[in-house]
Amino acid sequence: MPDDVEAFNVPNEADEVEPSHYERWKAVLTPWRPAITALAGIVVVVLVWLAISKLIAEVDYNDVLDTLHATPVWAIAAALGFTALSFLALSIYDLSALRYLGRAIPYPIVALTAFCAYAVGNTAGFGPLTGGAIRFRFYARLGFEPADVAKVVAYVTVAFGIGLAGVTGLGLTFAAHDLADPLSLPPTLLRVLGGLILVLMAGLFAYSAFGNGRIGWRGLSVPLPRPGLMLAQFAATLVDVSAAAAVLWVLLPQTDVGLPAFVAVYAVAIGLGVASHVPAGLGVFEAVIIAVVGRTASVDQVLSALILYRVIYYGVPLLVASGLVTGMEVRRAASGAQASRVLRAGAQLSPRVLATLTFALGAVLVLSGVTPAADQRLDLLSDLLPLPILEGAHFLESVLGLGLIVIARGLAHRLDGAWWAAVVAVGAAVMLSLLKALAISESIALALLFIALLAARREFNRPASLLHQRLTPGWLLAITTVIVTAAAVMFFVYSDVEYSNQLWWQFEFSEEAPRSLRALLGVVIAAGPFAAWSLLRACKGKTGQPEPEEIADASVLG
């Protein structure tokens, strides 16, 4: 048939293919996927903390504190060293991704980017998104296109998943005997599972070496890394996961689980935490470790080790990253127009890093509001302050903690309104933390955040209100995770206190349980209406489609 005749053929309506039931359901559910994911995450958080509550039902809070204070200095120093080794190995992920794309960037720049990306991603959760945003802001200044950054994020995510599976397979295969009793499974089954994982890994490597070098699914095909690059990446994952597991292992008490076996347990716990979509895997990771290690060790010692692990492996790198970007911002301001490209690009990492630190410290304020202060500090405050000031400071700082979590999203988007709100809220929180319980370490961390916000003022240059953007389901999940965790911690701390309506009206320096109840109630009351308003408020109107020039400008600005 001639081309001109074929061009005017009109398809018959009877020839159109009806969409399948799967496609119709997919079209209906796709717009609701973020909300469904967030709701599923909330359900997981509640169920996990209920499970943890049963596992630690016989544990006393004071015993956990005593164990925490008795942690040897050498164990803390070793944990810090293993943390540094883990983050050093994490930089290889980005380096491998850049080599996979054929891009050459000096290692110090790659290491700085990777460190900030993982410090933020580990704490905030949703690593591919939060870490990807960090990478985009940095690499875009170095001439990367958005598609290139997306490839880097995809490579890092897939490489971590495959490497984590490989590490788990090694642990199950070579440490099956040590894992059999804690997992209540026969060693033979564990070896078979581990061997199956390693066979699949070997098959992937062989296909990369001797196949056509591409892998695809549903019409999407991507080239596999070269065998040498794949081996180097797996070695980096092995070092990363082993070092991260060693951070917790050196803090744990003596158990029958050796380090090789514990690496496998740790890999499974991390994998389940990532799969749960709960921010930072909070609660999911702890439940797995307590369920496995708690069979052969004191649960109060395991809880103490988990607390220190979160502080050392998550908190310390985030503080260091905040100090780095603040220092780069100060150097950039001092250099003026002569600032190097690295300083200009690195300083612009500060919005995401400081937003994550703001979120983390907001969560700390909420959690500290439901835990008791040391008796010595309360005795000292009782001689210096009237009771209403202490009660008010305790209540207000807990609500401010929730406010900082909400403000953090605006900081991540560089809103000037969020910056002003953060400066005021953090400045007030510094004073309130001293008035409520002489929380020195807490006030120092808040003061450092305050200084960092002042140093990075120029980066928050988007003239928009803090309440201009509604909270996404992911942020609502993060807020819910903090509140549910705070409630679980409060019920654990005061498990020996019998509830009665009179608790709400008890105001004494020594009565900590009523004070914590009121603080948690204040957080819930503040969170409920705000979440409802964020979800139900009317849209202010639709915007037009951006022009190609505007998209290009936005890509450069990040």
Protein backbone atom coordinates (compact mmCIF):
# COMPACT_ATOMS: atom_id res chain seq x y z
CA MET A 1 0.00 0.00 0.00
CA PRO A 2 1.33 3.45 -0.86
CA ASP A 3 2.55 5.59 2.01
CA ASP A 4 0.04 8.37 1.37
CA VAL A 5 -2.92 5.96 1.48
CA GLU A 6 -1.64 4.26 4.61
CA ALA A 7 -1.22 7.60 6.33
CA PHE A 8 -4.93 8.33 6.02
CA ASN A 9 -6.13 4.99 7.40
CA VAL A 10 -8.24 5.64 10.49
CA PRO A 11 -8.15 2.86 13.09
CA ASN A 12 -11.46 1.19 13.80
CA GLU A 13 -12.78 1.58 17.35
CA ALA A 14 -13.32 -2.17 17.43
CA ASP A 15 -9.57 -2.64 16.98
CA GLU A 16 -8.76 -0.73 20.18
CA VAL A 17 -7.60 -2.97 22.99
CA GLU A 18 -9.52 -2.75 26.23
CA PRO A 19 -7.29 -2.08 29.25
CA SER A 20 -6.84 -5.05 31.56
CA HIS A 21 -8.09 -5.14 35.14
CA TYR A 22 -4.50 -4.66 36.31
CA GLU A 23 -4.05 -1.55 34.19
CA ARG A 24 -7.36 -0.07 35.40
CA TRP A 25 -6.50 -0.67 39.05
CA LYS A 26 -3.02 0.71 38.45
CA ALA A 27 -4.47 3.89 36.94
CA VAL A 28 -6.78 4.31 39.95
CA LEU A 29 -4.17 3.60 42.64
CA THR A 30 -1.15 5.38 41.14
CA PRO A 31 -2.17 8.89 42.32
CA TRP A 32 -2.73 7.47 45.82
CA ARG A 33 0.53 5.52 45.98
CA PRO A 34 2.39 8.01 48.25
CA ALA A 35 -0.52 8.15 50.70
CA ILE A 36 -0.90 4.35 50.70
CA THR A 37 2.85 3.95 51.27
CA ALA A 38 2.75 6.43 54.15
CA LEU A 39 -0.27 4.70 55.71
CA ALA A 40 1.44 1.32 55.41
CA GLY A 41 4.52 2.83 57.05
CA ILE A 42 2.44 4.12 59.96
CA VAL A 43 0.92 0.67 60.46
CA VAL A 44 4.42 -0.86 60.41
CA VAL A 45 5.69 1.67 62.97
CA VAL A 46 2.83 0.94 65.37
CA LEU A 47 3.15 -2.84 65.02
CA VAL A 48 6.92 -2.73 65.41
CA TRP A 49 6.80 -0.68 68.60
CA LEU A 50 4.11 -2.97 70.01
CA ALA A 51 6.44 -5.90 69.32
CA ILE A 52 9.39 -4.09 70.92
CA SER A 53 7.27 -3.29 73.98
CA LYS A 54 6.66 -7.00 74.49
CA LEU A 55 10.32 -7.85 74.00
CA ILE A 56 11.43 -5.31 76.64
CA ALA A 57 8.50 -5.75 79.03
CA GLU A 58 10.79 -6.98 81.83
CA VAL A 59 13.48 -4.31 81.32
CA ASP A 60 13.84 -1.40 83.72
CA TYR A 61 14.64 2.04 82.32
CA ASN A 62 17.12 2.82 85.09
CA ASP A 63 19.07 -0.36 84.28
CA VAL A 64 19.37 0.82 80.67
CA LEU A 65 20.73 4.18 81.85
CA ASP A 66 23.22 2.51 84.19
CA THR A 67 24.47 0.28 81.37
CA LEU A 68 24.69 3.29 79.08
CA HIS A 69 26.84 5.22 81.52
CA ALA A 70 29.04 2.17 82.14
CA THR A 71 29.99 1.75 78.47
CA PRO A 72 33.81 1.56 78.25
CA VAL A 73 35.60 4.44 76.58
CA TRP A 74 37.50 2.02 74.34
CA ALA A 75 34.20 0.69 72.96
CA ILE A 76 33.03 4.21 72.08
CA ALA A 77 36.40 5.00 70.47
CA ALA A 78 36.28 1.76 68.46
CA ALA A 79 32.72 2.51 67.35
CA LEU A 80 33.80 5.94 66.13
CA GLY A 81 36.69 4.37 64.21
CA PHE A 82 34.44 1.80 62.54
CA THR A 83 32.01 4.61 61.66
CA ALA A 84 34.80 6.47 59.87
CA LEU A 85 35.77 3.27 58.02
CA SER A 86 32.17 2.65 56.96
CA PHE A 87 31.74 6.17 55.57
CA LEU A 88 35.09 5.88 53.79
CA ALA A 89 33.80 2.75 52.06
CA LEU A 90 30.54 4.53 51.24
CA SER A 91 32.46 7.05 49.16
CA ILE A 92 33.42 4.19 46.82
CA TYR A 93 29.76 3.90 45.80
CA ASP A 94 29.83 7.35 44.23
CA LEU A 95 33.28 6.82 42.79
CA SER A 96 32.14 3.57 41.14
CA ALA A 97 29.00 5.24 39.82
CA LEU A 98 31.05 8.01 38.21
CA ARG A 99 33.41 5.49 36.63
CA TYR A 100 30.38 3.56 35.37
CA LEU A 101 29.21 6.76 33.65
CA GLY A 102 32.69 7.56 32.38
CA ARG A 103 32.96 10.78 34.39
CA ALA A 104 36.18 11.78 36.17
CA ILE A 105 35.94 13.95 39.31
CA PRO A 106 38.69 14.34 41.94
CA TYR A 107 38.22 11.97 44.85
CA PRO A 108 38.10 14.67 47.60
CA ILE A 109 35.06 16.22 45.90
CA VAL A 110 33.40 12.82 45.52
CA ALA A 111 34.15 11.94 49.16
CA LEU A 112 32.65 15.21 50.43
CA THR A 113 29.50 14.73 48.37
CA ALA A 114 29.08 11.10 49.38
CA PHE A 115 29.70 11.85 53.05
CA CYS A 116 27.05 14.57 53.18
CA ALA A 117 24.62 12.49 51.12
CA TYR A 118 24.89 9.47 53.40
CA ALA A 119 24.92 11.50 56.62
CA VAL A 120 21.61 13.04 55.51
CA GLY A 121 20.13 9.92 53.92
CA ASN A 122 20.88 7.65 56.90
CA THR A 123 19.21 10.03 59.34
CA ALA A 124 16.24 11.25 57.32
CA GLY A 125 15.52 7.96 55.59
CA PHE A 126 14.35 7.67 51.98
CA GLY A 127 18.06 7.53 51.05
CA PRO A 128 17.63 7.58 47.25
CA LEU A 129 15.54 10.77 47.51
CA THR A 130 17.31 12.67 50.28
CA GLY A 131 20.79 11.57 49.26
CA GLY A 132 19.87 12.14 45.62
CA ALA A 133 18.92 15.73 46.37
CA ILE A 134 22.33 16.30 47.96
CA ARG A 135 24.10 14.78 44.97
CA PHE A 136 22.02 16.81 42.53
CA ARG A 137 22.85 20.14 44.16
CA PHE A 138 26.55 19.33 44.18
CA TYR A 139 27.03 17.58 40.85
CA ALA A 140 24.80 20.06 38.98
CA ARG A 141 27.35 22.76 39.81
CA LEU A 142 30.01 20.56 38.20
CA GLY A 143 28.17 20.34 34.86
CA PHE A 144 26.09 17.19 35.40
CA GLU A 145 22.71 16.93 33.72
CA PRO A 146 19.72 15.81 35.84
CA ALA A 147 19.69 12.50 33.94
CA ASP A 148 23.33 11.89 34.92
CA VAL A 149 22.59 12.50 38.59
CA ALA A 150 19.60 10.16 38.36
CA LYS A 151 21.90 7.47 36.99
CA VAL A 152 24.33 7.99 39.87
CA VAL A 153 21.50 7.65 42.41
CA ALA A 154 20.13 4.56 40.64
CA TYR A 155 23.58 2.95 40.52
CA VAL A 156 24.23 3.62 44.21
CA THR A 157 20.82 2.29 45.24
CA VAL A 158 21.04 -0.91 43.17
CA ALA A 159 24.67 -1.51 44.14
CA PHE A 160 23.82 -1.25 47.83
CA GLY A 161 20.87 -3.62 47.49
CA ILE A 162 22.84 -6.25 45.58
CA GLY A 163 25.85 -5.89 47.87
CA LEU A 164 23.69 -6.17 50.98
CA ALA A 165 22.19 -9.40 49.63
CA GLY A 166 25.69 -10.72 48.94
CA VAL A 167 26.91 -9.91 52.44
CA THR A 168 23.84 -11.65 53.88
CA GLY A 169 24.58 -14.70 51.73
CA LEU A 170 28.17 -14.86 52.95
CA GLY A 171 27.05 -14.62 56.57
CA LEU A 172 24.39 -17.30 56.22
CA THR A 173 26.81 -19.64 54.45
CA PHE A 174 29.90 -19.35 56.62
CA ALA A 175 28.34 -18.53 60.01
CA ALA A 176 25.24 -20.71 59.87
CA HIS A 177 26.11 -22.54 63.09
CA ASP A 178 26.34 -19.30 65.10
CA LEU A 179 23.06 -18.04 63.65
CA ALA A 180 21.07 -21.26 64.08
CA ASP A 181 20.23 -20.85 67.77
CA PRO A 182 19.35 -17.12 67.77
CA LEU A 183 17.15 -17.56 64.67
CA SER A 184 15.72 -20.93 65.79
CA LEU A 185 16.44 -22.39 62.35
CA PRO A 186 18.50 -25.42 61.32
CA PRO A 187 22.04 -24.59 60.12
CA THR A 188 21.53 -26.59 56.92
CA LEU A 189 18.59 -24.38 55.87
CA LEU A 190 20.63 -21.24 56.51
CA ARG A 191 23.53 -22.58 54.44
CA VAL A 192 21.19 -23.46 51.58
CA LEU A 193 19.67 -19.96 51.62
CA GLY A 194 23.08 -18.34 51.77
CA GLY A 195 24.42 -20.55 49.01
CA LEU A 196 21.44 -19.74 46.79
CA ILE A 197 22.09 -16.01 47.21
CA LEU A 198 25.78 -16.45 46.37
CA VAL A 199 24.92 -18.54 43.30
CA LEU A 200 22.64 -15.76 42.04
CA MET A 201 25.42 -13.22 42.66
CA ALA A 202 27.91 -15.39 40.79
CA GLY A 203 25.45 -15.74 37.92
CA LEU A 204 25.09 -11.97 37.68
CA PHE A 205 28.86 -11.57 37.63
CA ALA A 206 29.26 -14.27 34.98
CA TYR A 207 26.58 -12.66 32.83
CA SER A 208 28.41 -9.35 33.11
CA ALA A 209 31.67 -11.00 32.06
CA PHE A 210 30.48 -13.36 29.32
CA GLY A 211 26.99 -12.19 28.35
CA ASN A 212 25.95 -9.27 26.20
CA GLY A 213 26.65 -6.88 29.05
CA ARG A 214 23.07 -5.60 29.34
CA ILE A 215 20.13 -6.40 31.55
CA GLY A 216 16.57 -5.32 31.02
CA TRP A 217 12.96 -5.67 32.08
CA ARG A 218 9.76 -4.55 30.35
CA GLY A 219 11.57 -2.91 27.50
CA LEU A 220 14.05 -1.06 29.73
CA SER A 221 17.65 -2.10 29.15
CA VAL A 222 20.75 -0.84 30.94
CA PRO A 223 24.41 -1.84 30.59
CA LEU A 224 25.93 -3.81 33.45
CA PRO A 225 29.15 -2.58 35.08
CA ARG A 226 32.37 -4.21 33.99
CA PRO A 227 33.39 -7.28 36.04
CA GLY A 228 36.29 -5.43 37.67
CA LEU A 229 34.08 -2.53 38.69
CA MET A 230 31.44 -4.94 39.98
CA LEU A 231 33.99 -6.75 42.15
CA ALA A 232 35.36 -3.47 43.51
CA GLN A 233 31.86 -2.30 44.34
CA PHE A 234 31.03 -5.52 46.16
CA ALA A 235 34.27 -5.27 48.14
CA ALA A 236 33.30 -1.72 49.15
CA THR A 237 29.85 -2.93 50.24
CA LEU A 238 31.43 -5.74 52.25
CA VAL A 239 33.70 -3.28 54.06
CA ASP A 240 30.86 -0.77 54.54
CA VAL A 241 28.34 -3.22 55.99
CA SER A 242 30.95 -5.08 58.08
CA ALA A 243 32.30 -1.83 59.57
CA ALA A 244 28.77 -0.51 60.26
CA ALA A 245 27.88 -3.80 61.94
CA ALA A 246 31.09 -3.62 63.97
CA VAL A 247 29.98 -0.22 65.32
CA LEU A 248 27.07 -1.92 67.05
CA TRP A 249 28.91 -5.16 67.77
CA VAL A 250 31.63 -3.51 69.89
CA LEU A 251 28.92 -1.75 71.92
CA LEU A 252 26.96 -4.95 72.58
CA PRO A 253 27.69 -7.19 75.58
CA GLN A 254 29.47 -10.50 75.19
CA THR A 255 27.26 -12.91 73.21
CA ASP A 256 27.51 -16.24 71.46
CA VAL A 257 27.09 -14.45 68.12
CA GLY A 258 30.47 -13.77 66.52
CA LEU A 259 31.17 -10.83 64.24
CA PRO A 260 30.74 -12.74 60.92
CA ALA A 261 27.34 -14.04 62.04
CA PHE A 262 26.35 -10.66 63.42
CA VAL A 263 27.17 -9.00 60.09
CA ALA A 264 24.52 -11.21 58.48
CA VAL A 265 21.97 -10.31 61.17
CA TYR A 266 22.82 -6.64 60.77
CA ALA A 267 22.42 -6.83 56.99
CA VAL A 268 18.97 -8.39 57.34
CA ALA A 269 17.95 -5.75 59.91
CA ILE A 270 19.13 -2.92 57.65
CA GLY A 271 17.36 -4.46 54.65
CA LEU A 272 14.07 -4.77 56.53
CA GLY A 273 14.42 -1.20 57.77
CA VAL A 274 14.86 0.07 54.21
CA ALA A 275 11.98 -2.07 52.90
CA SER A 276 9.63 -0.79 55.61
CA HIS A 277 9.92 2.82 54.28
CA VAL A 278 10.06 3.99 57.90
CA PRO A 279 12.44 6.97 58.25
CA ALA A 280 15.89 5.64 59.18
CA GLY A 281 14.27 2.22 59.77
CA LEU A 282 13.50 3.46 63.30
CA GLY A 283 12.03 0.66 65.34
CA VAL A 284 12.25 -1.97 62.60
CA PHE A 285 16.03 -2.25 62.90
CA GLU A 286 15.85 -2.28 66.71
CA ALA A 287 13.17 -4.99 66.73
CA VAL A 288 15.30 -7.37 64.66
CA ILE A 289 18.44 -6.83 66.77
CA ILE A 290 16.57 -7.25 70.06
CA ALA A 291 14.75 -10.36 68.83
CA VAL A 292 17.99 -12.04 67.70
CA VAL A 293 20.71 -10.81 70.06
CA GLY A 294 18.37 -10.47 73.05
CA ARG A 295 18.10 -14.27 73.19
CA THR A 296 21.73 -14.62 74.28
CA ALA A 297 22.38 -11.30 76.05
CA SER A 298 20.77 -8.99 78.58
CA VAL A 299 18.07 -6.96 76.85
CA ASP A 300 18.87 -3.80 78.83
CA GLN A 301 22.46 -3.98 77.57
CA VAL A 302 21.23 -4.49 74.00
CA LEU A 303 18.97 -1.42 74.32
CA SER A 304 21.87 0.64 75.66
CA ALA A 305 24.06 -0.44 72.73
CA LEU A 306 21.31 0.44 70.22
CA ILE A 307 20.96 3.94 71.67
CA LEU A 308 24.71 4.55 71.45
CA TYR A 309 24.79 3.08 67.95
CA ARG A 310 22.15 5.56 66.76
CA VAL A 311 24.06 8.45 68.32
CA ILE A 312 27.47 7.42 66.96
CA TYR A 313 26.62 6.12 63.48
CA TYR A 314 23.79 8.53 62.71
CA GLY A 315 24.20 11.59 64.92
CA VAL A 316 27.96 12.15 64.81
CA PRO A 317 28.29 12.09 60.97
CA LEU A 318 25.35 14.49 60.69
CA LEU A 319 26.99 16.92 63.11
CA VAL A 320 30.30 16.63 61.24
CA ALA A 321 28.55 17.21 57.89
CA SER A 322 26.85 20.29 59.34
CA GLY A 323 30.19 21.59 60.55
CA LEU A 324 31.76 20.99 57.14
CA VAL A 325 29.10 22.82 55.14
CA THR A 326 29.06 25.66 57.68
CA GLY A 327 32.83 26.01 57.43
CA MET A 328 32.62 26.00 53.64
CA GLU A 329 29.90 28.64 53.76
CA VAL A 330 32.08 30.86 55.98
CA ARG A 331 35.12 30.38 53.71
CA ARG A 332 33.01 31.15 50.67
CA ALA A 333 31.76 34.37 52.26
CA ALA A 334 35.33 35.35 53.16
CA SER A 335 36.61 34.57 49.65
CA GLY A 336 33.82 36.49 47.93
CA ALA A 337 34.03 36.39 44.14
CA GLN A 338 37.35 34.49 44.37
CA ALA A 339 35.66 31.44 45.97
CA SER A 340 36.55 28.19 44.24
CA ARG A 341 34.01 26.10 42.39
CA VAL A 342 34.18 23.47 45.14
CA LEU A 343 33.42 26.06 47.82
CA ARG A 344 30.52 27.46 45.83
CA ALA A 345 29.08 24.03 45.18
CA GLY A 346 29.85 22.60 48.61
CA ALA A 347 28.38 25.53 50.51
CA GLN A 348 25.09 25.01 48.72
CA LEU A 349 24.76 21.59 50.33
CA SER A 350 23.91 23.41 53.56
CA PRO A 351 20.10 23.66 53.08
CA ARG A 352 19.62 19.88 52.95
CA VAL A 353 22.18 19.14 55.64
CA LEU A 354 20.84 21.78 58.04
CA ALA A 355 17.26 20.71 57.30
CA THR A 356 18.14 17.15 58.33
CA LEU A 357 19.91 18.36 61.47
CA THR A 358 16.87 20.50 62.31
CA PHE A 359 14.61 17.49 61.86
CA ALA A 360 16.86 15.30 64.02
CA LEU A 361 17.09 17.86 66.84
CA GLY A 362 13.33 18.38 66.67
CA ALA A 363 12.89 14.65 67.22
CA VAL A 364 15.38 14.81 70.09
CA LEU A 365 13.35 17.56 71.76
CA VAL A 366 10.15 15.53 71.46
CA LEU A 367 11.81 12.42 72.87
CA SER A 368 13.51 14.33 75.69
CA GLY A 369 10.12 15.71 76.64
CA VAL A 370 8.86 12.22 77.50
CA THR A 371 11.95 11.09 79.44
CA PRO A 372 12.88 12.14 82.96
CA ALA A 373 15.72 14.49 83.81
CA ALA A 374 18.43 13.59 86.30
CA ASP A 375 17.37 14.05 89.93
CA GLN A 376 20.45 16.16 90.70
CA ARG A 377 19.55 18.67 87.98
CA LEU A 378 15.96 18.93 89.16
CA ASP A 379 17.14 19.51 92.74
CA LEU A 380 19.40 22.31 91.52
CA LEU A 381 16.63 23.89 89.43
CA SER A 382 14.21 23.72 92.35
CA ASP A 383 16.52 26.13 94.22
CA LEU A 384 16.82 28.50 91.26
CA LEU A 385 13.47 28.56 89.45
CA PRO A 386 9.80 28.55 90.39
CA LEU A 387 7.91 25.43 89.35
CA PRO A 388 5.69 27.14 86.70
CA ILE A 389 8.76 28.20 84.70
CA LEU A 390 10.14 24.66 84.64
CA GLU A 391 6.75 23.19 83.72
CA GLY A 392 6.23 25.77 80.99
CA ALA A 393 9.73 25.30 79.55
CA HIS A 394 9.27 21.52 79.45
CA PHE A 395 5.91 21.77 77.67
CA LEU A 396 6.91 24.50 75.23
CA GLU A 397 10.17 22.85 74.20
CA SER A 398 8.36 19.62 73.33
CA VAL A 399 5.94 21.53 71.10
CA LEU A 400 8.89 23.45 69.62
CA GLY A 401 10.44 20.07 68.75
CA LEU A 402 7.42 19.30 66.59
CA GLY A 403 7.70 22.78 65.10
CA LEU A 404 11.32 22.17 64.12
CA ILE A 405 10.32 18.96 62.33
CA VAL A 406 7.78 20.90 60.29
CA ILE A 407 10.21 23.77 59.68
CA ALA A 408 12.83 21.32 58.41
CA ARG A 409 10.89 20.75 55.19
CA GLY A 410 10.86 24.46 54.45
CA LEU A 411 14.61 24.62 55.08
CA ALA A 412 15.14 21.77 52.62
CA HIS A 413 13.39 23.91 49.99
CA ARG A 414 15.46 27.00 50.96
CA LEU A 415 12.45 29.09 52.03
CA ASP A 416 13.36 32.35 53.72
CA GLY A 417 10.26 32.10 55.92
CA ALA A 418 11.47 28.71 57.16
CA TRP A 419 14.89 30.21 57.94
CA TRP A 420 13.38 32.97 60.08
CA ALA A 421 11.13 30.47 61.86
CA ALA A 422 14.08 28.14 62.47
CA VAL A 423 16.29 30.90 63.89
CA VAL A 424 13.57 31.99 66.31
CA ALA A 425 12.58 28.43 67.29
CA VAL A 426 16.15 27.18 67.75
CA GLY A 427 17.14 30.28 69.73
CA ALA A 428 14.16 29.78 72.04
CA ALA A 429 14.88 26.05 72.35
CA VAL A 430 18.45 26.75 73.53
CA MET A 431 17.09 28.70 76.50
CA LEU A 432 14.21 26.30 77.19
CA SER A 433 16.52 23.28 77.26
CA LEU A 434 18.45 24.90 80.10
CA LEU A 435 15.33 25.97 81.97
CA LYS A 436 13.60 22.59 81.77
CA ALA A 437 16.44 20.31 82.93
CA LEU A 438 19.87 21.93 82.46
CA ALA A 439 20.26 19.79 79.31
CA ILE A 440 23.79 20.96 78.46
CA SER A 441 24.51 18.62 75.52
CA GLU A 442 21.11 19.36 74.03
CA SER A 443 21.58 23.11 74.30
CA ILE A 444 25.10 22.89 72.77
CA ALA A 445 23.76 20.98 69.74
CA LEU A 446 20.99 23.55 69.32
CA ALA A 447 23.48 26.41 69.63
CA LEU A 448 25.63 24.85 66.90
CA LEU A 449 22.56 24.62 64.67
CA PHE A 450 21.78 28.27 65.43
CA ILE A 451 25.28 29.33 64.38
CA ALA A 452 25.10 27.19 61.22
CA LEU A 453 21.78 28.78 60.25
CA LEU A 454 23.25 32.24 60.61
CA ALA A 455 26.31 31.31 58.55
CA ALA A 456 24.18 29.86 55.74
CA ARG A 457 21.67 32.72 55.59
CA ARG A 458 22.33 33.49 51.90
CA GLU A 459 21.30 29.98 50.83
CA PHE A 460 17.71 30.39 52.07
CA ASN A 461 16.71 32.87 49.43
CA ARG A 462 13.32 31.72 48.20
CA PRO A 463 10.73 34.34 49.22
CA ALA A 464 7.89 32.05 50.27
CA SER A 465 5.91 31.50 53.44
CA LEU A 466 6.73 28.53 55.65
CA LEU A 467 3.14 27.33 55.26
CA HIS A 468 3.12 27.88 51.51
CA GLN A 469 3.75 24.19 50.75
CA ARG A 470 1.68 21.40 52.17
CA LEU A 471 3.35 18.46 53.88
CA THR A 472 3.73 15.39 51.69
CA PRO A 473 2.69 11.91 52.90
CA GLY A 474 6.37 11.11 53.46
CA TRP A 475 6.77 14.02 55.87
CA LEU A 476 3.52 13.11 57.64
CA LEU A 477 4.92 9.58 58.03
CA ALA A 478 8.10 11.04 59.52
CA ILE A 479 6.12 13.14 62.02
CA THR A 480 3.94 10.16 62.95
CA THR A 481 7.03 7.99 63.42
CA VAL A 482 8.49 10.48 65.89
CA ILE A 483 5.22 10.77 67.84
CA VAL A 484 4.61 7.01 67.98
CA THR A 485 8.21 6.45 69.04
CA ALA A 486 7.87 9.10 71.76
CA ALA A 487 4.71 7.44 73.06
CA ALA A 488 6.39 4.03 73.11
CA VAL A 489 9.42 5.45 74.93
CA MET A 490 7.21 7.19 77.50
CA PHE A 491 5.24 4.03 78.28
CA PHE A 492 8.50 2.12 78.65
CA VAL A 493 10.11 4.71 80.94
CA TYR A 494 7.05 4.97 83.21
CA SER A 495 5.92 1.35 83.00
CA ASP A 496 5.88 1.18 86.82
CA VAL A 497 3.54 4.18 87.13
CA GLU A 498 -0.15 3.33 87.25
CA TYR A 499 -2.24 5.66 85.14
CA SER A 500 -4.97 7.77 86.74
CA ASN A 501 -6.73 10.98 85.80
CA GLN A 502 -4.99 12.70 88.71
CA LEU A 503 -1.67 12.49 86.88
CA TRP A 504 -2.69 15.30 84.54
CA TRP A 505 -3.03 17.74 87.45
CA GLN A 506 0.07 16.87 89.46
CA PHE A 507 2.65 19.69 89.38
CA GLU A 508 5.78 18.98 91.42
CA PHE A 509 9.49 19.07 90.72
CA SER A 510 9.80 15.35 91.43
CA GLU A 511 6.75 14.27 89.41
CA GLU A 512 8.17 13.49 85.96
CA ALA A 513 5.42 11.19 84.62
CA PRO A 514 2.68 13.87 84.62
CA ARG A 515 5.07 16.33 83.00
CA SER A 516 5.85 13.84 80.21
CA LEU A 517 2.15 13.09 79.70
CA ARG A 518 1.36 16.77 79.24
CA ALA A 519 4.30 17.23 76.87
CA LEU A 520 3.19 14.34 74.67
CA LEU A 521 -0.39 15.60 74.70
CA GLY A 522 0.81 19.03 73.60
CA VAL A 523 2.72 17.48 70.68
CA VAL A 524 -0.30 15.41 69.59
CA ILE A 525 -2.67 18.38 69.87
CA ALA A 526 -0.31 20.51 67.78
CA ALA A 527 0.30 17.78 65.18
CA GLY A 528 -3.32 16.76 64.60
CA PRO A 529 -4.81 20.06 63.38
CA PHE A 530 -1.68 20.91 61.41
CA ALA A 531 -1.74 17.57 59.58
CA ALA A 532 -5.47 17.95 58.87
CA TRP A 533 -4.98 21.48 57.55
CA SER A 534 -2.04 20.38 55.39
CA LEU A 535 -4.05 17.56 53.83
CA LEU A 536 -7.44 19.25 53.46
CA ARG A 537 -6.67 22.90 52.67
CA ALA A 538 -7.84 24.16 49.32
CA CYS A 539 -5.40 24.48 46.45
CA LYS A 540 -4.48 28.09 45.73
CA GLY A 541 -4.55 27.58 42.00
CA LYS A 542 -2.75 25.91 39.17
CA THR A 543 0.48 27.03 37.64
CA GLY A 544 1.34 26.93 33.97
CA GLN A 545 3.79 24.54 32.37
CA PRO A 546 7.40 25.72 32.74
CA GLU A 547 9.34 26.81 29.71
CA PRO A 548 12.51 24.90 28.70
CA GLU A 549 14.64 27.89 29.73
CA GLU A 550 13.04 27.88 33.20
CA ILE A 551 13.72 24.16 33.60
CA ALA A 552 17.36 24.72 32.64
CA ASP A 553 17.68 27.54 35.17
CA ALA A 554 16.10 25.41 37.90
CA SER A 555 18.50 22.56 37.09
CA VAL A 556 21.47 24.86 37.62
CA LEU A 557 20.10 26.31 40.86
CA GLY A 558 19.10 22.89 42.25
